[in-house]
Amino acid sequence: MGRRSRKRGGASTAAPAASRAPGRPHAAPRTARAPMAEAPKAPWAPVPLVELCALVAIVLIVLGFLSDGPRRRALLACGIALASLAGLEIAIREHFAGFRSHSALLAAAAAVLVAVPLFFLTGLPQIALLAVGVAVYTLAFVGLRRAFQAKTGGLGFRA
């Protein structure tokens, strides 16, 4: 079904966005789709720092795949870490600005941030590490979801 056939029906029953008052409790909630115009700007807005980090990460990963020897692992690890940090920065900024919910991604990052040092610094069995990771993920997810809902006025997610 194309866009035209959906528009041909009778008059729309939804109230126009301009007539809704955002502060009123009985007003309809904001849409689940976040427009790009609302995307949060970075504190270093004119400088494309995250994009440059992603570019350097791609170059490091490609060099890691093309190289041979002891540098290969270091190049791949640094490229993947830099790409992960660039993506994580965007996820943090969007989540806490109420633009898009990244609760699951940020909770997983928190679980990894706790579980990896425990793995290397302690002799805990894997089942205990898994239990710690699941507990941290669950607590972080609930807290991050509540923070997002508080920022967006009750929406649990926005795509």
Foldseek 3Di string as FASTA:
>chain_A
DDPVVVPPDDDDPDDDPVPFDPPDPPGDADDLAFDPVLQDADPVRVDPVLVVLLVQLVVLCVVLVVDDDDCNVVSPVSSVVSNVVSVVVSQVRCLLQLRWNPLQVVQQVQLCVPLVCCVVPHPDDPVVSVVSSVVSSVVSSVVSQVSSCVNRVRDSGHD
